[in-house]
């Protein structure tokens, strides 16, 4: 069974028919939010940054939200293959024991542990990311406005309820509650920003760790990150809130390793199926995604996801086992991609 599905927007397909696909053609690589689902892309990441992209020399914009921000920042480290292997290991083995008498760990407990993990992972290596000669990193976060400006036990749930209702009416209307704030190592944003309220900030050693942590801070699961240095004051949450799968109007040819076909605009759009369709924003995009029938062959018949933390609860070894099996199986995705990149067949 084929593991890899390849989807191309009309202009991307025309490019492949006319010129094939070479590493030098790629302008942008996005990394979606999606928690443990992103683990399935590890072998593809190692192939792209370890073997394929080193064959070219152009600058590439890497745009990431949540686990996608962690992946894209990891791609900027020296020896990225080894760095991706460590990310995979650290993510699979993360464990947050619930305090006695509680069913789940507190948001503060998860945030504190995750912050320590990021410090251990990037602590002395931020310069490698910030000064990479080719890759320009853009970390997407969601900054709360008005009632969401500060995290609060009852104002925050109320604010997100308002954001959900406004978003259901019109995506831009959610801008009354949240804005997109992107922290960039350098350069202009590689996408248009007329779709949603956006600010761009410089990513520096002062704000690197809080920006990446904010991009991964799922509301009510982790605490918001407040007052990131050299950025507007306020509470910052997961970049997936505003840009779940980074469905953006990119500049240039986009290669998008993703864990599904649909590129869903925002986290609050997950239940709004009519927003899961392709738009002209994706005309220049090539999406690499697992075949849904192949996914059914994985442990539990699905990709790793956040529900596994509850399913396996105290059974850390059981969760580690099934996630590791899924990641090992996903090496087939990278093998098929390598074969296709060697001879890009538009009919595929």
C-alpha atoms as a PDB file:
ATOM      1  CA  UNK A   1       0.000   0.000   0.000  1.00  0.00           C
ATOM      2  CA  UNK A   2       1.244   3.489  -0.847  1.00  0.00           C
ATOM      3  CA  UNK A   3       1.793   5.541   2.303  1.00  0.00           C
ATOM      4  CA  UNK A   4       2.291   8.974   0.726  1.00  0.00           C
ATOM      5  CA  UNK A   5      -0.286  11.134  -1.023  1.00  0.00           C
ATOM      6  CA  UNK A   6       0.945  14.151  -2.981  1.00  0.00           C
ATOM      7  CA  UNK A   7      -1.400  17.059  -3.684  1.00  0.00           C
ATOM      8  CA  UNK A   8      -0.556  20.100  -5.796  1.00  0.00           C
ATOM      9  CA  UNK A   9      -2.374  23.334  -6.420  1.00  0.00           C
ATOM     10  CA  UNK A  10      -2.863  24.219 -10.099  1.00  0.00           C
ATOM     11  CA  UNK A  11       0.167  26.508 -10.377  1.00  0.00           C
ATOM     12  CA  UNK A  12       2.355  24.084  -8.427  1.00  0.00           C
ATOM     13  CA  UNK A  13       1.282  21.266 -10.738  1.00  0.00           C
ATOM     14  CA  UNK A  14       2.035  23.402 -13.804  1.00  0.00           C
ATOM     15  CA  UNK A  15       5.496  24.080 -12.378  1.00  0.00           C
ATOM     16  CA  UNK A  16       6.157  20.357 -11.873  1.00  0.00           C
ATOM     17  CA  UNK A  17       4.987  19.539 -15.410  1.00  0.00           C
ATOM     18  CA  UNK A  18       7.222  22.234 -16.886  1.00  0.00           C
ATOM     19  CA  UNK A  19      10.313  22.044 -14.674  1.00  0.00           C
ATOM     20  CA  UNK A  20      10.017  19.014 -12.423  1.00  0.00           C
ATOM     21  CA  UNK A  21      10.802  19.713  -8.784  1.00  0.00           C
ATOM     22  CA  UNK A  22      14.278  20.569  -7.537  1.00  0.00           C
ATOM     23  CA  UNK A  23      15.342  21.712  -4.059  1.00  0.00           C
ATOM     24  CA  UNK A  24      16.287  25.075  -5.554  1.00  0.00           C
ATOM     25  CA  UNK A  25      12.639  25.692  -6.526  1.00  0.00           C
ATOM     26  CA  UNK A  26      11.333  25.809  -2.953  1.00  0.00           C
ATOM     27  CA  UNK A  27      10.625  29.209  -1.364  1.00  0.00           C
ATOM     28  CA  UNK A  28       8.574  28.318   1.724  1.00  0.00           C
ATOM     29  CA  UNK A  29       8.079  25.320   4.030  1.00  0.00           C
ATOM     30  CA  UNK A  30       5.260  25.524   6.619  1.00  0.00           C
ATOM     31  CA  UNK A  31       4.942  23.448   9.791  1.00  0.00           C
ATOM     32  CA  UNK A  32       1.378  22.997  11.074  1.00  0.00           C
ATOM     33  CA  UNK A  33       0.068  22.883  14.606  1.00  0.00           C
ATOM     34  CA  UNK A  34      -1.378  19.512  15.565  1.00  0.00           C
ATOM     35  CA  UNK A  35       0.505  18.176  18.577  1.00  0.00           C
ATOM     36  CA  UNK A  36       1.575  14.519  18.369  1.00  0.00           C
ATOM     37  CA  UNK A  37       0.305  14.219  14.787  1.00  0.00           C
ATOM     38  CA  UNK A  38       3.467  16.062  13.765  1.00  0.00           C
ATOM     39  CA  UNK A  39       5.557  13.085  14.898  1.00  0.00           C
ATOM     40  CA  UNK A  40       4.550  11.237  11.744  1.00  0.00           C
ATOM     41  CA  UNK A  41       6.556  13.779   9.717  1.00  0.00           C
ATOM     42  CA  UNK A  42       9.893  13.067  11.427  1.00  0.00           C
ATOM     43  CA  UNK A  43      11.327  10.791   8.706  1.00  0.00           C
ATOM     44  CA  UNK A  44      10.259  13.272   5.999  1.00  0.00           C
ATOM     45  CA  UNK A  45      11.922  16.113   7.939  1.00  0.00           C
ATOM     46  CA  UNK A  46      15.150  14.146   8.216  1.00  0.00           C
ATOM     47  CA  UNK A  47      15.124  13.379   4.483  1.00  0.00           C
ATOM     48  CA  UNK A  48      14.370  16.961   3.436  1.00  0.00           C
ATOM     49  CA  UNK A  49      16.923  18.706   5.652  1.00  0.00           C
ATOM     50  CA  UNK A  50      19.456  15.915   5.723  1.00  0.00           C
ATOM     51  CA  UNK A  51      19.581  14.925   2.045  1.00  0.00           C
ATOM     52  CA  UNK A  52      17.393  16.926  -0.316  1.00  0.00           C
ATOM     53  CA  UNK A  53      17.577  20.619   0.610  1.00  0.00           C
ATOM     54  CA  UNK A  54      21.396  20.608   1.049  1.00  0.00           C
ATOM     55  CA  UNK A  55      21.564  20.161  -2.733  1.00  0.00           C
ATOM     56  CA  UNK A  56      20.471  23.822  -3.098  1.00  0.00           C
ATOM     57  CA  UNK A  57      21.651  27.165  -1.747  1.00  0.00           C
ATOM     58  CA  UNK A  58      18.715  29.633  -1.868  1.00  0.00           C
ATOM     59  CA  UNK A  59      17.120  31.215   1.176  1.00  0.00           C
ATOM     60  CA  UNK A  60      13.949  29.458   2.375  1.00  0.00           C
ATOM     61  CA  UNK A  61      11.289  30.795   4.733  1.00  0.00           C
ATOM     62  CA  UNK A  62      10.203  28.327   7.437  1.00  0.00           C
ATOM     63  CA  UNK A  63       6.830  29.157   8.992  1.00  0.00           C
ATOM     64  CA  UNK A  64       5.703  27.233  12.067  1.00  0.00           C
ATOM     65  CA  UNK A  65       2.961  27.145  14.691  1.00  0.00           C
ATOM     66  CA  UNK A  66       2.937  24.960  17.812  1.00  0.00           C
ATOM     67  CA  UNK A  67       4.775  21.677  17.126  1.00  0.00           C
ATOM     68  CA  UNK A  68       5.394  23.093  13.651  1.00  0.00           C
ATOM     69  CA  UNK A  69       7.355  25.966  15.214  1.00  0.00           C
ATOM     70  CA  UNK A  70       9.423  23.448  17.203  1.00  0.00           C
ATOM     71  CA  UNK A  71      10.056  21.448  14.010  1.00  0.00           C
ATOM     72  CA  UNK A  72      10.992  24.473  11.909  1.00  0.00           C
ATOM     73  CA  UNK A  73      13.306  25.861  14.612  1.00  0.00           C
ATOM     74  CA  UNK A  74      14.939  22.431  14.849  1.00  0.00           C
ATOM     75  CA  UNK A  75      15.541  22.502  11.088  1.00  0.00           C
ATOM     76  CA  UNK A  76      17.725  25.579  11.640  1.00  0.00           C
ATOM     77  CA  UNK A  77      20.106  23.809  14.015  1.00  0.00           C
ATOM     78  CA  UNK A  78      23.484  22.497  12.923  1.00  0.00           C
ATOM     79  CA  UNK A  79      23.267  18.765  12.150  1.00  0.00           C
ATOM     80  CA  UNK A  80      19.468  18.872  11.725  1.00  0.00           C
ATOM     81  CA  UNK A  81      19.060  15.102  11.317  1.00  0.00           C
ATOM     82  CA  UNK A  82      20.393  14.464  14.815  1.00  0.00           C
ATOM     83  CA  UNK A  83      18.338  17.400  16.116  1.00  0.00           C
ATOM     84  CA  UNK A  84      15.134  15.969  14.613  1.00  0.00           C
ATOM     85  CA  UNK A  85      15.929  12.598  16.186  1.00  0.00           C
ATOM     86  CA  UNK A  86      16.223  14.259  19.585  1.00  0.00           C
ATOM     87  CA  UNK A  87      12.982  16.203  19.083  1.00  0.00           C
ATOM     88  CA  UNK A  88      11.217  12.943  18.251  1.00  0.00           C
ATOM     89  CA  UNK A  89      12.633  11.207  21.328  1.00  0.00           C
ATOM     90  CA  UNK A  90      11.861  14.101  23.667  1.00  0.00           C
ATOM     91  CA  UNK A  91       8.310  14.515  22.380  1.00  0.00           C
ATOM     92  CA  UNK A  92       7.496  10.815  22.537  1.00  0.00           C
ATOM     93  CA  UNK A  93       8.837  10.452  26.086  1.00  0.00           C
ATOM     94  CA  UNK A  94       7.287  13.585  27.587  1.00  0.00           C
ATOM     95  CA  UNK A  95       5.210  12.745  30.644  1.00  0.00           C
ATOM     96  CA  UNK A  96       3.259  14.878  33.071  1.00  0.00           C
ATOM     97  CA  UNK A  97       2.147  12.985  36.165  1.00  0.00           C
ATOM     98  CA  UNK A  98      -1.093  14.255  37.691  1.00  0.00           C
ATOM     99  CA  UNK A  99      -0.740  15.453  41.305  1.00  0.00           C
ATOM    100  CA  UNK A 100      -2.273  13.188  43.965  1.00  0.00           C
ATOM    101  CA  UNK A 101      -6.057  13.360  43.902  1.00  0.00           C
ATOM    102  CA  UNK A 102      -6.227  14.957  40.450  1.00  0.00           C
ATOM    103  CA  UNK A 103      -7.040  13.368  37.099  1.00  0.00           C
ATOM    104  CA  UNK A 104      -4.717  15.526  35.035  1.00  0.00           C
ATOM    105  CA  UNK A 105      -1.691  17.785  35.507  1.00  0.00           C
ATOM    106  CA  UNK A 106      -2.288  21.506  35.933  1.00  0.00           C
ATOM    107  CA  UNK A 107      -1.583  23.961  33.123  1.00  0.00           C
ATOM    108  CA  UNK A 108       1.188  25.486  35.233  1.00  0.00           C
ATOM    109  CA  UNK A 109       2.789  22.065  35.747  1.00  0.00           C
ATOM    110  CA  UNK A 110       2.771  21.358  32.004  1.00  0.00           C
ATOM    111  CA  UNK A 111       4.045  24.840  31.154  1.00  0.00           C
ATOM    112  CA  UNK A 112       6.884  24.658  33.666  1.00  0.00           C
ATOM    113  CA  UNK A 113       8.003  21.232  32.429  1.00  0.00           C
ATOM    114  CA  UNK A 114       7.741  22.228  28.772  1.00  0.00           C
ATOM    115  CA  UNK A 115       9.712  25.412  29.388  1.00  0.00           C
ATOM    116  CA  UNK A 116      12.481  23.354  30.964  1.00  0.00           C
ATOM    117  CA  UNK A 117      12.462  21.037  27.937  1.00  0.00           C
ATOM    118  CA  UNK A 118      12.862  23.957  25.537  1.00  0.00           C
ATOM    119  CA  UNK A 119      15.682  25.387  27.644  1.00  0.00           C
ATOM    120  CA  UNK A 120      17.459  22.027  27.569  1.00  0.00           C
ATOM    121  CA  UNK A 121      16.861  21.617  23.831  1.00  0.00           C
ATOM    122  CA  UNK A 122      17.884  25.086  22.592  1.00  0.00           C
ATOM    123  CA  UNK A 123      19.630  26.683  25.602  1.00  0.00           C
ATOM    124  CA  UNK A 124      23.133  27.184  24.192  1.00  0.00           C
ATOM    125  CA  UNK A 125      22.158  26.789  20.533  1.00  0.00           C
ATOM    126  CA  UNK A 126      19.806  29.691  19.858  1.00  0.00           C
ATOM    127  CA  UNK A 127      22.494  31.406  17.817  1.00  0.00           C
ATOM    128  CA  UNK A 128      22.432  28.517  15.329  1.00  0.00           C
ATOM    129  CA  UNK A 129      18.736  29.165  14.703  1.00  0.00           C
ATOM    130  CA  UNK A 130      18.838  32.944  14.687  1.00  0.00           C
ATOM    131  CA  UNK A 131      21.882  33.211  12.403  1.00  0.00           C
ATOM    132  CA  UNK A 132      21.257  30.382   9.968  1.00  0.00           C
ATOM    133  CA  UNK A 133      22.694  31.437   6.593  1.00  0.00           C
ATOM    134  CA  UNK A 134      19.777  30.047   4.554  1.00  0.00           C
ATOM    135  CA  UNK A 135      16.673  29.496   6.642  1.00  0.00           C
ATOM    136  CA  UNK A 136      14.528  32.394   7.861  1.00  0.00           C
ATOM    137  CA  UNK A 137      12.360  31.239  10.743  1.00  0.00           C
ATOM    138  CA  UNK A 138       8.898  32.687  11.430  1.00  0.00           C
ATOM    139  CA  UNK A 139       7.236  31.578  14.700  1.00  0.00           C
ATOM    140  CA  UNK A 140       3.480  32.166  14.762  1.00  0.00           C
ATOM    141  CA  UNK A 141       1.730  33.039  18.033  1.00  0.00           C
ATOM    142  CA  UNK A 142      -1.772  34.229  18.970  1.00  0.00           C
ATOM    143  CA  UNK A 143      -1.947  37.345  21.176  1.00  0.00           C
ATOM    144  CA  UNK A 144      -5.061  37.996  23.223  1.00  0.00           C
ATOM    145  CA  UNK A 145      -6.856  41.340  22.979  1.00  0.00           C
ATOM    146  CA  UNK A 146      -9.295  43.095  25.337  1.00  0.00           C
ATOM    147  CA  UNK A 147     -10.780  40.443  27.659  1.00  0.00           C
ATOM    148  CA  UNK A 148      -8.086  37.975  26.519  1.00  0.00           C
ATOM    149  CA  UNK A 149      -5.242  40.424  27.145  1.00  0.00           C
ATOM    150  CA  UNK A 150      -4.486  38.640  30.440  1.00  0.00           C
ATOM    151  CA  UNK A 151      -5.150  35.028  31.334  1.00  0.00           C
ATOM    152  CA  UNK A 152      -7.906  34.773  33.947  1.00  0.00           C
ATOM    153  CA  UNK A 153      -9.946  31.885  35.424  1.00  0.00           C
ATOM    154  CA  UNK A 154     -13.284  33.075  34.028  1.00  0.00           C
ATOM    155  CA  UNK A 155     -12.487  35.883  31.572  1.00  0.00           C
ATOM    156  CA  UNK A 156     -10.332  33.597  29.405  1.00  0.00           C
ATOM    157  CA  UNK A 157     -13.065  30.959  28.815  1.00  0.00           C
ATOM    158  CA  UNK A 158     -15.545  33.766  28.170  1.00  0.00           C
ATOM    159  CA  UNK A 159     -13.162  35.412  25.716  1.00  0.00           C
ATOM    160  CA  UNK A 160     -12.587  32.197  23.798  1.00  0.00           C
ATOM    161  CA  UNK A 161     -16.349  31.616  23.634  1.00  0.00           C
ATOM    162  CA  UNK A 162     -16.687  35.058  22.057  1.00  0.00           C
ATOM    163  CA  UNK A 163     -13.819  34.326  19.660  1.00  0.00           C
ATOM    164  CA  UNK A 164     -15.484  31.060  18.624  1.00  0.00           C
ATOM    165  CA  UNK A 165     -18.823  32.754  17.904  1.00  0.00           C
ATOM    166  CA  UNK A 166     -17.212  35.600  15.949  1.00  0.00           C
ATOM    167  CA  UNK A 167     -15.042  33.193  13.987  1.00  0.00           C
ATOM    168  CA  UNK A 168     -18.083  31.095  13.064  1.00  0.00           C
ATOM    169  CA  UNK A 169     -19.592  34.189  11.444  1.00  0.00           C
ATOM    170  CA  UNK A 170     -16.409  35.386   9.727  1.00  0.00           C
ATOM    171  CA  UNK A 171     -12.763  34.498  10.248  1.00  0.00           C
ATOM    172  CA  UNK A 172     -11.661  38.136  10.254  1.00  0.00           C
ATOM    173  CA  UNK A 173     -14.169  38.886  13.033  1.00  0.00           C
ATOM    174  CA  UNK A 174     -12.057  36.778  15.422  1.00  0.00           C
ATOM    175  CA  UNK A 175      -9.524  39.588  15.160  1.00  0.00           C
ATOM    176  CA  UNK A 176     -11.529  41.450  17.787  1.00  0.00           C
ATOM    177  CA  UNK A 177     -10.302  38.861  20.301  1.00  0.00           C
ATOM    178  CA  UNK A 178      -6.962  37.598  18.999  1.00  0.00           C
ATOM    179  CA  UNK A 179      -4.277  38.745  16.606  1.00  0.00           C
ATOM    180  CA  UNK A 180      -1.491  36.908  14.810  1.00  0.00           C
ATOM    181  CA  UNK A 181       1.976  37.895  16.052  1.00  0.00           C
ATOM    182  CA  UNK A 182       4.884  36.413  14.115  1.00  0.00           C
ATOM    183  CA  UNK A 183       8.432  36.389  15.475  1.00  0.00           C
ATOM    184  CA  UNK A 184      10.946  36.331  12.608  1.00  0.00           C
ATOM    185  CA  UNK A 185      14.703  35.907  12.507  1.00  0.00           C
ATOM    186  CA  UNK A 186      14.913  38.303   9.565  1.00  0.00           C
ATOM    187  CA  UNK A 187      13.201  39.358   6.363  1.00  0.00           C
ATOM    188  CA  UNK A 188       9.623  40.172   5.480  1.00  0.00           C
ATOM    189  CA  UNK A 189       6.843  37.704   6.082  1.00  0.00           C
ATOM    190  CA  UNK A 190       6.590  35.207   3.200  1.00  0.00           C
ATOM    191  CA  UNK A 191       2.800  35.556   3.051  1.00  0.00           C
ATOM    192  CA  UNK A 192       0.256  38.333   2.641  1.00  0.00           C
ATOM    193  CA  UNK A 193      -1.380  39.615   5.833  1.00  0.00           C
ATOM    194  CA  UNK A 194      -4.590  41.143   4.514  1.00  0.00           C
ATOM    195  CA  UNK A 195      -6.510  38.031   5.618  1.00  0.00           C
ATOM    196  CA  UNK A 196      -6.167  38.669   9.348  1.00  0.00           C
ATOM    197  CA  UNK A 197      -4.799  41.185  11.875  1.00  0.00           C
ATOM    198  CA  UNK A 198      -1.012  40.587  12.014  1.00  0.00           C
ATOM    199  CA  UNK A 199       2.114  42.008  13.644  1.00  0.00           C
ATOM    200  CA  UNK A 200       5.712  40.964  12.938  1.00  0.00           C
ATOM    201  CA  UNK A 201       8.427  41.108  15.603  1.00  0.00           C
ATOM    202  CA  UNK A 202      12.138  40.319  15.562  1.00  0.00           C
ATOM    203  CA  UNK A 203      13.066  36.928  16.990  1.00  0.00           C
ATOM    204  CA  UNK A 204      16.095  37.375  19.252  1.00  0.00           C
ATOM    205  CA  UNK A 205      17.892  35.565  22.043  1.00  0.00           C
ATOM    206  CA  UNK A 206      15.836  37.614  24.522  1.00  0.00           C
ATOM    207  CA  UNK A 207      12.503  36.328  23.260  1.00  0.00           C
ATOM    208  CA  UNK A 208      13.310  33.075  21.440  1.00  0.00           C
ATOM    209  CA  UNK A 209      12.323  30.657  24.218  1.00  0.00           C
ATOM    210  CA  UNK A 210       9.146  32.500  25.311  1.00  0.00           C
ATOM    211  CA  UNK A 211       8.041  32.931  21.684  1.00  0.00           C
ATOM    212  CA  UNK A 212       8.446  29.229  20.884  1.00  0.00           C
ATOM    213  CA  UNK A 213       6.759  28.260  24.160  1.00  0.00           C
ATOM    214  CA  UNK A 214       3.884  30.649  23.440  1.00  0.00           C
ATOM    215  CA  UNK A 215       3.471  29.143  19.971  1.00  0.00           C
ATOM    216  CA  UNK A 216       3.020  25.735  21.652  1.00  0.00           C
ATOM    217  CA  UNK A 217       0.777  26.908  24.545  1.00  0.00           C
ATOM    218  CA  UNK A 218      -2.609  25.280  23.939  1.00  0.00           C
ATOM    219  CA  UNK A 219      -5.273  27.209  25.876  1.00  0.00           C
ATOM    220  CA  UNK A 220      -6.327  25.521  29.140  1.00  0.00           C
ATOM    221  CA  UNK A 221      -3.652  22.806  28.660  1.00  0.00           C
ATOM    222  CA  UNK A 222      -0.696  25.156  29.132  1.00  0.00           C
ATOM    223  CA  UNK A 223      -0.598  28.639  30.572  1.00  0.00           C
ATOM    224  CA  UNK A 224      -0.351  31.641  28.293  1.00  0.00           C
ATOM    225  CA  UNK A 225       3.049  33.311  28.034  1.00  0.00           C
ATOM    226  CA  UNK A 226       2.735  36.921  29.140  1.00  0.00           C
ATOM    227  CA  UNK A 227       4.684  39.973  27.984  1.00  0.00           C
ATOM    228  CA  UNK A 228       7.213  38.441  25.610  1.00  0.00           C
ATOM    229  CA  UNK A 229      10.315  40.690  25.514  1.00  0.00           C
ATOM    230  CA  UNK A 230      10.487  43.216  22.661  1.00  0.00           C
ATOM    231  CA  UNK A 231       6.838  42.580  21.715  1.00  0.00           C
ATOM    232  CA  UNK A 232       3.452  44.090  22.651  1.00  0.00           C
ATOM    233  CA  UNK A 233       2.311  43.298  26.184  1.00  0.00           C
ATOM    234  CA  UNK A 234      -0.359  40.713  26.829  1.00  0.00           C
ATOM    235  CA  UNK A 235      -1.073  37.000  26.834  1.00  0.00           C
ATOM    236  CA  UNK A 236       0.295  34.865  23.999  1.00  0.00           C
ATOM    237  CA  UNK A 237      -1.119  31.443  23.141  1.00  0.00           C
ATOM    238  CA  UNK A 238      -0.663  28.668  20.605  1.00  0.00           C
ATOM    239  CA  UNK A 239      -0.094  29.926  17.068  1.00  0.00           C
ATOM    240  CA  UNK A 240      -2.566  27.311  15.914  1.00  0.00           C
ATOM    241  CA  UNK A 241      -5.449  29.354  17.356  1.00  0.00           C
ATOM    242  CA  UNK A 242      -5.159  31.889  14.560  1.00  0.00           C
ATOM    243  CA  UNK A 243      -3.353  29.612  12.085  1.00  0.00           C
ATOM    244  CA  UNK A 244      -3.970  25.938  12.775  1.00  0.00           C
ATOM    245  CA  UNK A 245      -2.530  24.643   9.496  1.00  0.00           C
ATOM    246  CA  UNK A 246      -1.075  27.913   8.187  1.00  0.00           C
ATOM    247  CA  UNK A 247      -3.546  28.255   5.309  1.00  0.00           C
ATOM    248  CA  UNK A 248      -1.855  31.445   4.097  1.00  0.00           C
ATOM    249  CA  UNK A 249      -1.334  33.343   0.856  1.00  0.00           C
ATOM    250  CA  UNK A 250       2.349  32.500   0.408  1.00  0.00           C
ATOM    251  CA  UNK A 251       4.874  34.083  -1.932  1.00  0.00           C
ATOM    252  CA  UNK A 252       6.628  31.506  -4.110  1.00  0.00           C
ATOM    253  CA  UNK A 253       6.490  27.721  -4.416  1.00  0.00           C
ATOM    254  CA  UNK A 254       5.528  26.004  -1.159  1.00  0.00           C
ATOM    255  CA  UNK A 255       6.489  22.478  -0.095  1.00  0.00           C
ATOM    256  CA  UNK A 256       4.232  21.433   2.760  1.00  0.00           C
ATOM    257  CA  UNK A 257       4.838  18.193   4.717  1.00  0.00           C
ATOM    258  CA  UNK A 258       1.481  17.764   6.475  1.00  0.00           C
ATOM    259  CA  UNK A 259      -0.317  15.029   8.382  1.00  0.00           C
ATOM    260  CA  UNK A 260      -3.546  15.267   6.346  1.00  0.00           C
ATOM    261  CA  UNK A 261      -4.845  16.579   3.049  1.00  0.00           C
ATOM    262  CA  UNK A 262      -6.973  19.435   4.415  1.00  0.00           C
ATOM    263  CA  UNK A 263      -5.198  22.669   5.360  1.00  0.00           C
ATOM    264  CA  UNK A 264      -7.565  24.059   8.025  1.00  0.00           C
ATOM    265  CA  UNK A 265      -7.192  27.831   8.584  1.00  0.00           C
ATOM    266  CA  UNK A 266      -7.644  28.196  12.371  1.00  0.00           C
ATOM    267  CA  UNK A 267      -8.021  25.988  15.450  1.00  0.00           C
ATOM    268  CA  UNK A 268     -11.586  27.212  15.901  1.00  0.00           C
ATOM    269  CA  UNK A 269     -12.338  26.082  12.322  1.00  0.00           C
ATOM    270  CA  UNK A 270     -11.861  22.380  13.135  1.00  0.00           C
ATOM    271  CA  UNK A 271     -15.615  21.820  13.341  1.00  0.00           C
ATOM    272  CA  UNK A 272     -16.432  24.172  10.441  1.00  0.00           C
ATOM    273  CA  UNK A 273     -16.079  21.693   7.594  1.00  0.00           C
ATOM    274  CA  UNK A 274     -16.779  24.266   4.886  1.00  0.00           C
ATOM    275  CA  UNK A 275     -13.471  25.947   5.766  1.00  0.00           C
ATOM    276  CA  UNK A 276     -11.477  22.769   5.153  1.00  0.00           C
ATOM    277  CA  UNK A 277     -11.572  23.111   1.365  1.00  0.00           C
ATOM    278  CA  UNK A 278      -8.770  24.348  -0.863  1.00  0.00           C
ATOM    279  CA  UNK A 279      -8.637  28.033  -1.800  1.00  0.00           C
ATOM    280  CA  UNK A 280      -6.487  30.059  -4.234  1.00  0.00           C
ATOM    281  CA  UNK A 281      -4.065  30.537  -1.313  1.00  0.00           C
ATOM    282  CA  UNK A 282      -2.895  26.976  -2.004  1.00  0.00           C
ATOM    283  CA  UNK A 283      -2.409  27.354  -5.765  1.00  0.00           C
ATOM    284  CA  UNK A 284       1.400  27.351  -5.389  1.00  0.00           C
ATOM    285  CA  UNK A 285       1.453  24.630  -2.727  1.00  0.00           C
ATOM    286  CA  UNK A 286       2.556  20.971  -2.794  1.00  0.00           C
ATOM    287  CA  UNK A 287       1.127  19.057   0.173  1.00  0.00           C
ATOM    288  CA  UNK A 288       2.762  15.802   1.280  1.00  0.00           C
ATOM    289  CA  UNK A 289       0.323  13.821   3.436  1.00  0.00           C
ATOM    290  CA  UNK A 290      -0.192  10.240   4.633  1.00  0.00           C
ATOM    291  CA  UNK A 291      -2.711   8.127   2.724  1.00  0.00           C
ATOM    292  CA  UNK A 292      -5.796   7.760   5.009  1.00  0.00           C
ATOM    293  CA  UNK A 293      -5.954   4.025   4.213  1.00  0.00           C
ATOM    294  CA  UNK A 294      -2.324   3.637   5.242  1.00  0.00           C
ATOM    295  CA  UNK A 295      -3.053   5.531   8.469  1.00  0.00           C
ATOM    296  CA  UNK A 296      -5.554   2.799   9.358  1.00  0.00           C
ATOM    297  CA  UNK A 297      -2.651   0.315   9.485  1.00  0.00           C
ATOM    298  CA  UNK A 298      -0.948   2.250  12.307  1.00  0.00           C
ATOM    299  CA  UNK A 299      -1.411   1.299  15.996  1.00  0.00           C
ATOM    300  CA  UNK A 300      -5.006   2.048  17.021  1.00  0.00           C
ATOM    301  CA  UNK A 301      -5.758   2.810  13.356  1.00  0.00           C
ATOM    302  CA  UNK A 302      -4.833   6.486  13.635  1.00  0.00           C
ATOM    303  CA  UNK A 303      -2.040   9.010  13.906  1.00  0.00           C
ATOM    304  CA  UNK A 304      -0.665   9.763  17.372  1.00  0.00           C
ATOM    305  CA  UNK A 305      -2.769  12.522  18.938  1.00  0.00           C
ATOM    306  CA  UNK A 306      -3.412  14.306  22.220  1.00  0.00           C
ATOM    307  CA  UNK A 307      -6.189  11.872  23.193  1.00  0.00           C
ATOM    308  CA  UNK A 308      -3.436   9.289  23.741  1.00  0.00           C
ATOM    309  CA  UNK A 309      -2.328  11.167  26.859  1.00  0.00           C
ATOM    310  CA  UNK A 310      -5.733  10.337  28.342  1.00  0.00           C
ATOM    311  CA  UNK A 311      -6.033   6.864  26.809  1.00  0.00           C
ATOM    312  CA  UNK A 312      -2.715   5.739  28.228  1.00  0.00           C
ATOM    313  CA  UNK A 313      -2.844   7.987  31.334  1.00  0.00           C
ATOM    314  CA  UNK A 314      -0.269   6.422  33.683  1.00  0.00           C
ATOM    315  CA  UNK A 315       0.831   3.839  31.091  1.00  0.00           C
ATOM    316  CA  UNK A 316       3.782   5.824  29.770  1.00  0.00           C
ATOM    317  CA  UNK A 317       5.452   2.704  28.346  1.00  0.00           C
ATOM    318  CA  UNK A 318       2.310   1.840  26.383  1.00  0.00           C
ATOM    319  CA  UNK A 319       2.055   5.304  24.815  1.00  0.00           C
ATOM    320  CA  UNK A 320       5.773   5.384  24.032  1.00  0.00           C
ATOM    321  CA  UNK A 321       5.441   1.981  22.365  1.00  0.00           C
ATOM    322  CA  UNK A 322       2.548   2.867  20.028  1.00  0.00           C
ATOM    323  CA  UNK A 323       3.964   6.298  19.145  1.00  0.00           C
ATOM    324  CA  UNK A 324       7.345   4.776  18.379  1.00  0.00           C
ATOM    325  CA  UNK A 325       5.719   2.118  16.190  1.00  0.00           C
ATOM    326  CA  UNK A 326       3.814   4.809  14.275  1.00  0.00           C
ATOM    327  CA  UNK A 327       6.959   6.867  13.708  1.00  0.00           C
ATOM    328  CA  UNK A 328       8.940   3.842  12.555  1.00  0.00           C
ATOM    329  CA  UNK A 329       6.151   2.963  10.095  1.00  0.00           C
ATOM    330  CA  UNK A 330       6.240   6.543   8.756  1.00  0.00           C
ATOM    331  CA  UNK A 331       9.719   5.930   7.371  1.00  0.00           C
ATOM    332  CA  UNK A 332       7.785   4.592   4.376  1.00  0.00           C
ATOM    333  CA  UNK A 333       6.563   8.164   3.765  1.00  0.00           C
ATOM    334  CA  UNK A 334      10.139   9.416   3.476  1.00  0.00           C
ATOM    335  CA  UNK A 335      11.180   6.478   1.267  1.00  0.00           C
ATOM    336  CA  UNK A 336       8.356   7.166  -1.182  1.00  0.00           C
ATOM    337  CA  UNK A 337       9.088  10.904  -1.159  1.00  0.00           C
ATOM    338  CA  UNK A 338      12.761  10.257  -1.925  1.00  0.00           C
ATOM    339  CA  UNK A 339      11.775   8.060  -4.865  1.00  0.00           C
ATOM    340  CA  UNK A 340       9.403  10.698  -6.209  1.00  0.00           C
ATOM    341  CA  UNK A 341      11.900  13.557  -5.760  1.00  0.00           C
ATOM    342  CA  UNK A 342      14.447  11.577  -7.776  1.00  0.00           C
ATOM    343  CA  UNK A 343      12.007  11.605 -10.707  1.00  0.00           C
ATOM    344  CA  UNK A 344       9.004  13.874 -10.044  1.00  0.00           C
ATOM    345  CA  UNK A 345       6.058  12.341 -11.894  1.00  0.00           C
ATOM    346  CA  UNK A 346       3.138  14.798 -12.270  1.00  0.00           C
ATOM    347  CA  UNK A 347       0.815  11.816 -12.581  1.00  0.00           C
ATOM    348  CA  UNK A 348       1.620  10.796  -9.006  1.00  0.00           C
END
